[in-house]
Amino acid sequence: MTKTGFFRFKKIGPKYLLTNDVGDFIFLKDKDFKDFQQGKLKNNNPTYQELDQKHFTSQSWNCENCQQRLINRYAQRREYLNQGPGLHIVVVTLRCDHACRYCHASSKSMKRFDLDMTESTAEKVVDRIFETTSPDINVEFQGGEPLANFGIVKFIVNRVLEKNKKAKKRLRFSLVSTLTLLDDKKLDWLHHKKVSLCSSLDGPENLHNKNRPMLSGENGYRKTTEGIRKAKNKYRDLRYQINALPTITRDSLNFPKQIVDEYVKLGLRDIHLRWLNPFGMAKSLQKVIGYGAKDFVDFYRKALDHIIALNLKGRDVRERMAKIVTQKAFTDEDPNFLDLRSPCGAGIGQLAYHYNGDVYTCDEGRMLGQMGDETFKLGNVHQNSYGEIISSPVTKSLCVTSTLDGLTGCSQCVFLPYCGVCPVFNYSEQGNIFTQAPNNFRCQVQKGILEYLFQKFQDQETLKIFKKWIRR
């Protein structure tokens, strides 16, 4: 008689999806699922054998060697818990030459030089960064527009490189920019120092300029795409390259194919379809540029279908969310995407440093601080040690509220092994750091996307494309 092991399940279309704690999954027809539940599947049944191989039977958990193997797999999938903050977001200025309708960072006028990070603060930021226990350090420059305070970007990079002669960390630098202030001299320096670039491109010209107008009245689309082309020409070594991502507003929803085609036209291989977050201008203009979870999921499906169709025609373009979920579903190598892990990366996977030295759990916490709510502030680099920052009660609270196994609505969800929550998002949207899953926009979006991706996994041609994405 079949004895089932622990699993979560959900009916998707005509079949049941089953998942377990080591990330294995299987689709079962209605009869097979009921027979499995009732212990009627025989050992020589091919479906039973697949269930046993994927650790859905109690037999596959009982032998000592099997248990140790599963423990090792479970630990490998959560290796990030042994490290510490690896991503360090440094806001070198709040000045910006754009007035994006959804600006999450609450950026300010280019004339506000008092909103630039100083060398003394930058020095302290670097000191805190090198106190992390993580063997990997990714310093990500943000703003505002970080190129508006390029001197501090250079100061931090050079100081990090100098300190690392002794620390021997694995370093990465990235800079998030509109690229409108990028000139040949800056580009040469960034390339020489192996600083990867990420920009924002919201789609075709009219849509991009509507979402992301420049304060000067200039054509932001043309300046940004010019910067992307220059950077692509310079960054021929793919180890440190140029990427971009769109932020989807209500105006974007009708253009899934056109947005993807814009990336293909520019030769950008990756696109991350990003929904609006309830921070900064995006929160205050929610009624103008916002939408429901179903609206975004419908958009995502159309865009992903177009990306798949392009791949079937030989075009090389990847959607980042699909790539991340594929890696989590088919390997034990977690990509450590901080928004899709348990617990989330706030405070233990990343730290965000404001221009004035204030330290936050994450970039979202820093965005909320800029809106006047300091709930997720951990301290200041001039006043607090790394130990005080990392052991803050705020960090501990966010660990508890983002560990899915203990959350109502998450602990029994079939998508738990591949998902994650954001307590800062929950706080901003629902006034509570604990997710209220049934009414949570982010939860609804992620469930919709995950359900669609697992449906796609059943199509062998599509799965072949997805697996190709994660082999690179």
Protein backbone atom coordinates (compact mmCIF):
# COMPACT_ATOMS: atom_id res chain seq x y z
CA MET A 1 0.00 0.00 0.00
CA THR A 2 1.30 3.46 -0.94
CA LYS A 3 2.24 5.74 1.95
CA THR A 4 2.47 9.37 0.99
CA GLY A 5 5.17 11.72 2.11
CA PHE A 6 4.59 15.41 2.82
CA PHE A 7 3.52 17.50 -0.17
CA ARG A 8 1.50 20.54 -1.16
CA PHE A 9 -0.93 20.49 -4.06
CA LYS A 10 -3.16 22.59 -6.28
CA LYS A 11 -5.39 21.70 -9.21
CA ILE A 12 -4.26 23.54 -12.33
CA GLY A 13 -6.46 22.87 -15.33
CA PRO A 14 -7.25 19.14 -15.60
CA LYS A 15 -4.24 18.06 -13.49
CA TYR A 16 -2.94 18.39 -9.95
CA LEU A 17 0.43 20.00 -9.27
CA LEU A 18 2.29 18.51 -6.30
CA THR A 19 5.44 20.03 -4.77
CA ASN A 20 7.61 19.23 -1.77
CA ASP A 21 10.19 20.94 0.42
CA VAL A 22 13.20 20.10 -1.77
CA GLY A 23 11.58 21.74 -4.80
CA ASP A 24 10.59 18.58 -6.67
CA PHE A 25 7.26 18.70 -8.48
CA ILE A 26 4.97 16.46 -10.50
CA PHE A 27 1.68 16.82 -12.37
CA LEU A 28 -0.88 14.05 -11.82
CA LYS A 29 -4.10 13.26 -13.62
CA ASP A 30 -7.22 13.30 -11.46
CA LYS A 31 -7.42 9.51 -11.04
CA ASP A 32 -3.71 9.10 -10.28
CA PHE A 33 -3.89 11.85 -7.68
CA LYS A 34 -6.88 10.27 -5.91
CA ASP A 35 -5.28 6.82 -6.06
CA PHE A 36 -2.07 8.22 -4.60
CA GLN A 37 -3.93 9.94 -1.77
CA GLN A 38 -5.84 6.74 -0.98
CA GLY A 39 -2.76 4.52 -1.12
CA LYS A 40 -3.98 2.59 -4.16
CA LEU A 41 -0.98 3.08 -6.45
CA LYS A 42 1.09 -0.11 -6.74
CA ASN A 43 4.88 -0.08 -6.55
CA ASN A 44 5.27 -1.20 -10.15
CA ASN A 45 3.06 1.61 -11.44
CA PRO A 46 5.18 4.11 -13.49
CA THR A 47 3.42 7.03 -11.79
CA TYR A 48 4.24 5.62 -8.36
CA GLN A 49 7.87 5.12 -9.38
CA GLU A 50 8.13 8.75 -10.51
CA LEU A 51 6.52 9.90 -7.25
CA ASP A 52 8.99 7.79 -5.29
CA GLN A 53 11.95 9.06 -7.31
CA LYS A 54 10.85 12.65 -6.64
CA HIS A 55 10.43 12.02 -2.89
CA PHE A 56 6.64 12.16 -2.63
CA THR A 57 6.35 8.77 -0.89
CA SER A 58 7.24 8.02 2.71
CA GLN A 59 9.46 5.22 1.43
CA SER A 60 11.74 7.76 -0.26
CA TRP A 61 12.23 9.55 3.08
CA ASN A 62 12.73 6.55 5.36
CA CYS A 63 16.15 5.15 4.48
CA GLU A 64 19.11 6.80 6.22
CA ASN A 65 20.98 7.57 3.00
CA CYS A 66 17.85 9.07 1.45
CA GLN A 67 17.31 11.32 4.46
CA GLN A 68 20.87 12.59 4.37
CA ARG A 69 20.66 13.24 0.63
CA LEU A 70 17.44 15.21 1.10
CA ILE A 71 18.93 17.15 4.01
CA ASN A 72 21.89 18.05 1.81
CA ARG A 73 19.60 19.18 -1.01
CA TYR A 74 17.49 21.26 1.36
CA ALA A 75 20.62 22.90 2.78
CA GLN A 76 22.05 23.58 -0.68
CA ARG A 77 18.86 25.33 -1.76
CA ARG A 78 19.24 27.65 1.24
CA GLU A 79 22.98 28.18 1.10
CA TYR A 80 22.34 31.94 1.13
CA LEU A 81 21.53 31.69 4.85
CA ASN A 82 25.19 30.94 5.60
CA GLN A 83 26.54 34.13 4.05
CA GLY A 84 25.24 37.56 5.03
CA PRO A 85 24.55 40.74 3.07
CA GLY A 86 26.15 40.45 -0.36
CA LEU A 87 24.20 43.18 -2.14
CA HIS A 88 25.03 46.72 -0.99
CA ILE A 89 22.89 49.42 -2.59
CA VAL A 90 24.50 52.83 -2.37
CA VAL A 91 22.42 55.91 -3.13
CA VAL A 92 25.06 58.47 -4.08
CA THR A 93 22.55 61.26 -4.78
CA LEU A 94 18.84 62.01 -4.92
CA ARG A 95 19.32 64.41 -7.83
CA CYS A 96 17.86 63.31 -11.14
CA ASP A 97 17.23 64.74 -14.61
CA HIS A 98 13.96 62.81 -15.01
CA ALA A 99 10.48 63.16 -13.54
CA CYS A 100 9.27 59.57 -13.93
CA ARG A 101 5.57 59.18 -13.22
CA TYR A 102 6.17 56.18 -10.97
CA CYS A 103 9.48 57.27 -9.39
CA HIS A 104 9.99 54.88 -6.48
CA ALA A 105 13.03 56.76 -5.20
CA SER A 106 11.33 60.15 -4.68
CA SER A 107 14.13 61.86 -6.60
CA LYS A 108 14.73 65.61 -6.46
CA SER A 109 15.87 68.53 -8.63
CA MET A 110 19.32 68.50 -10.24
CA LYS A 111 20.05 71.72 -8.34
CA ARG A 112 19.84 70.08 -4.88
CA PHE A 113 23.55 69.43 -4.32
CA ASP A 114 22.89 69.04 -0.60
CA LEU A 115 21.39 65.66 -1.52
CA ASP A 116 24.74 64.28 -2.75
CA MET A 117 26.71 61.74 -0.70
CA THR A 118 29.98 63.20 0.64
CA GLU A 119 33.40 61.54 0.69
CA SER A 120 33.33 61.21 4.49
CA THR A 121 30.00 59.34 4.31
CA ALA A 122 31.17 57.26 1.35
CA GLU A 123 34.26 56.23 3.31
CA LYS A 124 32.12 55.03 6.21
CA VAL A 125 29.79 53.18 3.82
CA VAL A 126 32.72 51.24 2.38
CA ASP A 127 33.93 50.41 5.90
CA ARG A 128 30.52 48.95 6.78
CA ILE A 129 30.37 47.02 3.50
CA PHE A 130 33.64 45.26 4.23
CA GLU A 131 32.40 44.10 7.62
CA THR A 132 29.91 41.75 5.97
CA THR A 133 30.44 38.02 6.47
CA SER A 134 29.57 37.34 2.83
CA PRO A 135 32.44 36.23 0.57
CA ASP A 136 30.69 38.08 -2.26
CA ILE A 137 30.17 41.83 -2.46
CA ASN A 138 28.02 43.50 -5.11
CA VAL A 139 28.06 47.28 -4.81
CA GLU A 140 25.11 48.70 -6.72
CA PHE A 141 24.99 52.47 -7.31
CA GLN A 142 21.56 54.06 -7.40
CA GLY A 143 19.93 57.46 -7.13
CA GLY A 144 18.38 59.67 -8.22
CA GLU A 145 20.77 59.53 -11.09
CA PRO A 146 24.15 58.20 -9.86
CA LEU A 147 26.00 59.72 -12.83
CA ALA A 148 25.06 63.14 -11.42
CA ASN A 149 27.50 62.45 -8.56
CA PHE A 150 30.04 60.49 -10.56
CA GLY A 151 32.96 61.66 -8.43
CA ILE A 152 31.61 59.70 -5.45
CA VAL A 153 30.98 56.65 -7.63
CA LYS A 154 34.66 56.73 -8.59
CA PHE A 155 35.73 57.33 -4.99
CA ILE A 156 33.78 54.31 -3.72
CA VAL A 157 34.93 51.96 -6.50
CA ASN A 158 38.56 52.88 -5.97
CA ARG A 159 38.30 52.57 -2.20
CA VAL A 160 36.55 49.18 -2.48
CA LEU A 161 39.27 47.91 -4.83
CA GLU A 162 41.96 49.13 -2.46
CA LYS A 163 40.42 47.53 0.63
CA ASN A 164 39.84 44.30 -1.24
CA LYS A 165 43.56 43.79 -1.78
CA LYS A 166 43.53 42.53 1.80
CA ALA A 167 39.94 41.28 2.16
CA LYS A 168 39.99 39.13 -1.01
CA LYS A 169 36.22 39.24 -1.51
CA ARG A 170 34.60 38.37 -4.85
CA LEU A 171 33.59 41.80 -6.14
CA ARG A 172 30.96 43.06 -8.53
CA PHE A 173 29.99 46.64 -9.32
CA SER A 174 26.79 47.74 -11.01
CA LEU A 175 25.30 51.13 -11.75
CA VAL A 176 21.59 51.81 -12.32
CA SER A 177 21.20 54.80 -14.60
CA THR A 178 19.06 56.46 -17.26
CA LEU A 179 22.37 56.83 -19.18
CA THR A 180 21.37 60.33 -20.29
CA LEU A 181 24.46 61.78 -18.54
CA LEU A 182 26.79 59.11 -19.91
CA ASP A 183 29.68 60.50 -21.96
CA ASP A 184 32.69 58.75 -23.48
CA LYS A 185 34.98 59.61 -20.56
CA LYS A 186 32.59 58.14 -17.96
CA LEU A 187 31.93 55.11 -20.15
CA ASP A 188 35.64 54.41 -20.58
CA TRP A 189 36.19 54.59 -16.83
CA LEU A 190 33.19 52.35 -16.01
CA HIS A 191 34.27 49.77 -18.55
CA HIS A 192 37.85 49.81 -17.31
CA LYS A 193 36.66 49.20 -13.73
CA LYS A 194 34.25 46.47 -14.88
CA VAL A 195 31.15 48.25 -13.61
CA SER A 196 28.09 46.69 -15.23
CA LEU A 197 25.28 49.00 -16.29
CA CYS A 198 21.53 48.70 -15.92
CA SER A 199 19.07 51.16 -17.40
CA SER A 200 15.32 51.60 -17.64
CA LEU A 201 13.60 51.29 -20.98
CA ASP A 202 9.81 51.20 -20.79
CA GLY A 203 9.22 50.29 -24.42
CA PRO A 204 8.60 52.20 -27.66
CA GLU A 205 9.38 55.92 -27.83
CA ASN A 206 5.94 57.34 -27.03
CA LEU A 207 5.36 55.00 -24.10
CA HIS A 208 8.84 55.48 -22.65
CA ASN A 209 8.64 59.28 -22.84
CA LYS A 210 5.18 59.30 -21.27
CA ASN A 211 6.33 57.17 -18.34
CA ARG A 212 9.77 58.76 -18.00
CA PRO A 213 9.75 62.45 -19.08
CA MET A 214 12.97 64.46 -18.75
CA LEU A 215 12.89 67.66 -16.73
CA SER A 216 14.60 69.48 -19.61
CA GLY A 217 11.89 68.50 -22.06
CA GLU A 218 14.41 66.54 -24.15
CA ASN A 219 13.59 63.18 -25.72
CA GLY A 220 14.56 60.73 -22.96
CA TYR A 221 13.94 57.68 -25.14
CA ARG A 222 16.49 58.82 -27.71
CA LYS A 223 19.09 59.71 -25.10
CA THR A 224 18.64 56.45 -23.18
CA THR A 225 18.70 54.23 -26.27
CA GLU A 226 21.76 56.11 -27.52
CA GLY A 227 23.44 55.36 -24.19
CA ILE A 228 22.44 51.68 -24.41
CA ARG A 229 23.91 51.39 -27.92
CA LYS A 230 27.16 53.06 -26.89
CA ALA A 231 27.47 50.86 -23.83
CA LYS A 232 26.70 47.68 -25.78
CA ASN A 233 29.40 48.56 -28.27
CA LYS A 234 31.86 49.14 -25.44
CA TYR A 235 30.86 46.21 -23.25
CA ARG A 236 31.66 43.33 -25.55
CA ASP A 237 32.78 41.12 -22.67
CA LEU A 238 29.51 39.61 -21.42
CA ARG A 239 30.87 39.15 -17.89
CA TYR A 240 30.06 42.80 -17.26
CA GLN A 241 27.49 44.06 -19.66
CA ILE A 242 24.57 46.44 -20.20
CA ASN A 243 21.03 45.44 -19.22
CA ALA A 244 17.72 47.24 -19.01
CA LEU A 245 14.27 46.64 -17.59
CA PRO A 246 10.82 48.13 -18.05
CA THR A 247 8.43 49.22 -15.32
CA ILE A 248 4.88 48.38 -16.34
CA THR A 249 2.26 51.09 -15.87
CA ARG A 250 -1.39 51.10 -16.86
CA ASP A 251 -0.35 52.64 -20.17
CA SER A 252 2.02 49.71 -20.79
CA LEU A 253 -0.58 46.97 -20.51
CA ASN A 254 -1.70 47.19 -24.14
CA PHE A 255 1.82 46.83 -25.56
CA PRO A 256 3.32 43.49 -24.39
CA LYS A 257 4.72 42.56 -27.81
CA GLN A 258 5.93 46.06 -28.64
CA ILE A 259 7.84 46.35 -25.35
CA VAL A 260 9.57 43.01 -25.95
CA ASP A 261 10.32 43.96 -29.58
CA GLU A 262 12.00 47.15 -28.41
CA TYR A 263 14.48 45.11 -26.39
CA VAL A 264 15.08 42.74 -29.30
CA LYS A 265 15.66 45.70 -31.63
CA LEU A 266 18.38 47.02 -29.31
CA GLY A 267 20.02 43.61 -29.01
CA LEU A 268 19.24 43.27 -25.29
CA ARG A 269 19.10 39.60 -24.40
CA ASP A 270 17.25 39.87 -21.07
CA ILE A 271 14.04 41.57 -20.07
CA HIS A 272 12.59 41.65 -16.55
CA LEU A 273 8.90 42.56 -16.66
CA ARG A 274 8.54 44.53 -13.43
CA TRP A 275 5.24 45.53 -11.87
CA LEU A 276 4.65 48.76 -9.97
CA ASN A 277 5.62 48.87 -6.30
CA PRO A 278 3.70 51.02 -3.79
CA PHE A 279 6.52 53.49 -3.09
CA GLY A 280 7.14 57.12 -4.00
CA MET A 281 5.18 58.56 -6.91
CA ALA A 282 3.83 55.12 -7.84
CA LYS A 283 1.85 55.08 -4.59
CA SER A 284 0.50 58.62 -4.86
CA LEU A 285 -0.49 58.14 -8.53
CA GLN A 286 -1.89 54.64 -8.08
CA LYS A 287 -5.32 55.65 -9.41
CA VAL A 288 -3.74 57.07 -12.58
CA ILE A 289 -1.01 54.56 -13.47
CA GLY A 290 -1.89 51.51 -11.35
CA TYR A 291 -3.82 48.32 -12.19
CA GLY A 292 -5.09 45.10 -10.70
CA ALA A 293 -3.11 41.88 -10.27
CA LYS A 294 -5.08 40.14 -13.03
CA ASP A 295 -4.24 42.96 -15.44
CA PHE A 296 -0.52 42.47 -14.89
CA VAL A 297 -0.69 38.67 -15.08
CA ASP A 298 -2.58 38.89 -18.39
CA PHE A 299 0.09 41.28 -19.67
CA TYR A 300 2.88 38.98 -18.48
CA ARG A 301 1.37 35.96 -20.20
CA LYS A 302 1.09 37.76 -23.53
CA ALA A 303 4.64 39.10 -23.27
CA LEU A 304 6.06 35.70 -22.29
CA ASP A 305 4.21 33.95 -25.12
CA HIS A 306 5.75 36.45 -27.53
CA ILE A 307 9.22 35.84 -26.07
CA ILE A 308 8.76 32.08 -26.45
CA ALA A 309 7.58 32.54 -30.06
CA LEU A 310 10.67 34.63 -30.81
CA ASN A 311 12.92 31.95 -29.34
CA LEU A 312 11.26 29.30 -31.47
CA LYS A 313 12.20 31.46 -34.46
CA GLY A 314 15.84 31.57 -33.31
CA ARG A 315 15.86 34.95 -31.53
CA ASP A 316 17.88 35.00 -28.30
CA VAL A 317 15.82 36.84 -25.67
CA ARG A 318 15.06 35.75 -22.10
CA GLU A 319 12.53 36.81 -19.46
CA ARG A 320 14.19 37.03 -16.06
CA MET A 321 11.30 35.89 -13.83
CA ALA A 322 10.81 32.77 -15.93
CA LYS A 323 14.55 32.10 -15.86
CA ILE A 324 14.71 32.40 -12.05
CA VAL A 325 11.72 30.10 -11.47
CA THR A 326 13.07 27.55 -13.94
CA GLN A 327 16.36 27.42 -12.07
CA LYS A 328 14.58 27.01 -8.72
CA ALA A 329 12.30 24.28 -10.11
CA PHE A 330 14.87 22.20 -12.00
CA THR A 331 18.10 22.62 -10.01
CA ASP A 332 19.21 22.84 -6.39
CA GLU A 333 21.31 25.93 -7.20
CA ASP A 334 19.20 28.78 -5.89
CA PRO A 335 19.85 31.99 -7.88
CA ASN A 336 19.55 33.98 -4.62
CA PHE A 337 17.13 36.47 -6.12
CA LEU A 338 16.36 38.34 -2.90
CA ASP A 339 12.65 38.88 -3.64
CA LEU A 340 12.02 35.15 -4.19
CA ARG A 341 13.60 33.44 -1.21
CA SER A 342 12.63 32.48 2.34
CA PRO A 343 13.43 34.46 4.38
CA CYS A 344 13.75 37.41 2.02
CA GLY A 345 17.01 39.33 1.63
CA ALA A 346 16.08 42.35 3.77
CA GLY A 347 18.94 43.00 6.20
CA ILE A 348 20.50 39.55 5.78
CA GLY A 349 21.03 39.50 2.01
CA GLN A 350 21.22 43.20 1.25
CA LEU A 351 21.63 46.59 2.87
CA ALA A 352 20.77 49.98 1.41
CA TYR A 353 22.83 53.08 2.23
CA HIS A 354 21.18 56.46 1.79
CA TYR A 355 23.12 59.52 0.61
CA ASN A 356 23.31 60.78 4.23
CA GLY A 357 24.62 57.48 5.65
CA ASP A 358 21.31 56.10 6.90
CA VAL A 359 21.15 52.32 6.52
CA TYR A 360 17.97 50.43 5.62
CA THR A 361 17.01 46.78 5.40
CA CYS A 362 16.67 46.99 1.62
CA ASP A 363 16.04 49.40 -1.22
CA GLU A 364 12.30 49.20 -0.61
CA GLY A 365 12.81 50.15 3.04
CA ARG A 366 14.95 53.10 1.92
CA MET A 367 12.21 54.18 -0.52
CA LEU A 368 9.68 54.13 2.31
CA GLY A 369 12.09 56.16 4.44
CA GLN A 370 12.26 58.77 1.71
CA MET A 371 8.46 58.98 1.95
CA GLY A 372 8.83 59.92 5.64
CA ASP A 373 8.38 56.49 7.26
CA GLU A 374 11.57 55.27 8.97
CA THR A 375 10.17 51.90 10.06
CA PHE A 376 12.87 49.96 8.19
CA LYS A 377 15.86 52.11 9.11
CA LEU A 378 18.63 50.14 10.86
CA GLY A 379 21.03 52.93 11.77
CA ASN A 380 23.61 55.27 10.29
CA VAL A 381 27.17 54.53 9.13
CA HIS A 382 28.52 57.43 11.20
CA GLN A 383 26.84 56.26 14.41
CA ASN A 384 26.40 52.50 14.27
CA SER A 385 28.69 49.53 13.80
CA TYR A 386 27.95 46.70 11.40
CA GLY A 387 27.09 44.50 14.37
CA GLU A 388 24.49 46.97 15.64
CA ILE A 389 23.00 47.32 12.15
CA ILE A 390 22.79 43.62 11.36
CA SER A 391 21.40 42.63 14.78
CA SER A 392 18.67 45.28 14.74
CA PRO A 393 15.22 44.12 15.95
CA VAL A 394 13.93 45.35 12.58
CA THR A 395 16.10 42.83 10.74
CA LYS A 396 14.96 40.04 13.04
CA SER A 397 11.31 40.98 12.54
CA LEU A 398 11.64 40.88 8.76
CA CYS A 399 13.29 37.45 8.93
CA VAL A 400 10.31 36.13 10.87
CA THR A 401 7.72 37.76 8.63
CA SER A 402 9.32 36.53 5.39
CA THR A 403 9.95 32.88 6.36
CA LEU A 404 7.20 31.23 4.35
CA ASP A 405 6.93 28.03 6.41
CA GLY A 406 5.45 30.00 9.31
CA LEU A 407 3.08 32.26 7.39
CA THR A 408 -0.65 31.75 7.07
CA GLY A 409 -1.51 31.44 3.39
CA CYS A 410 2.07 30.57 2.46
CA SER A 411 2.93 27.47 4.51
CA GLN A 412 0.48 25.28 2.58
CA CYS A 413 0.84 26.99 -0.80
CA VAL A 414 1.98 24.71 -3.61
CA PHE A 415 4.38 27.41 -4.84
CA LEU A 416 6.25 27.83 -1.52
CA PRO A 417 9.57 26.31 -2.75
CA TYR A 418 9.83 28.89 -5.53
CA CYS A 419 8.31 32.01 -3.97
CA GLY A 420 9.01 34.80 -1.49
CA VAL A 421 7.28 37.69 0.25
CA CYS A 422 8.29 41.31 0.83
CA PRO A 423 7.34 42.60 4.31
CA VAL A 424 8.06 46.19 3.23
CA PHE A 425 5.62 45.86 0.33
CA ASN A 426 3.04 44.35 2.69
CA TYR A 427 3.52 47.20 5.16
CA SER A 428 3.14 49.84 2.46
CA GLU A 429 0.12 48.22 0.83
CA GLN A 430 -1.74 46.72 3.81
CA GLY A 431 -0.22 48.34 6.91
CA ASN A 432 1.15 45.05 8.25
CA ILE A 433 4.55 43.40 7.77
CA PHE A 434 2.80 40.01 7.81
CA THR A 435 1.37 39.18 4.41
CA GLN A 436 -2.42 39.03 4.12
CA ALA A 437 -2.15 36.69 1.18
CA PRO A 438 -5.70 36.51 -0.24
CA ASN A 439 -5.87 40.28 -0.76
CA ASN A 440 -2.20 40.96 -1.41
CA PHE A 441 -1.42 42.33 -4.90
CA ARG A 442 2.10 40.92 -4.93
CA CYS A 443 0.90 37.48 -3.84
CA GLN A 444 -1.80 37.44 -6.50
CA VAL A 445 0.66 38.46 -9.21
CA GLN A 446 3.27 35.90 -8.21
CA LYS A 447 0.74 33.09 -7.95
CA GLY A 448 -0.61 33.99 -11.40
CA ILE A 449 2.87 34.01 -12.92
CA LEU A 450 3.99 30.80 -11.19
CA GLU A 451 0.85 28.95 -12.23
CA TYR A 452 1.39 30.00 -15.84
CA LEU A 453 5.06 29.02 -15.78
CA PHE A 454 4.29 25.55 -14.41
CA GLN A 455 1.72 25.10 -17.14
CA LYS A 456 4.44 26.01 -19.63
CA PHE A 457 6.80 23.46 -18.07
CA GLN A 458 4.49 20.74 -19.39
CA ASP A 459 5.23 21.73 -22.99
CA GLN A 460 8.52 20.13 -24.00
CA GLU A 461 9.47 22.71 -26.63
CA THR A 462 8.93 25.57 -24.20
CA LEU A 463 10.72 23.73 -21.41
CA LYS A 464 13.69 23.20 -23.71
CA ILE A 465 13.87 26.98 -24.21
CA PHE A 466 13.64 27.70 -20.48
CA LYS A 467 16.35 25.17 -19.64
CA LYS A 468 18.58 26.70 -22.30
CA TRP A 469 18.22 30.03 -20.51
CA ILE A 470 19.56 28.65 -17.22
CA ARG A 471 22.55 26.88 -18.79
CA ARG A 472 24.15 30.23 -19.68
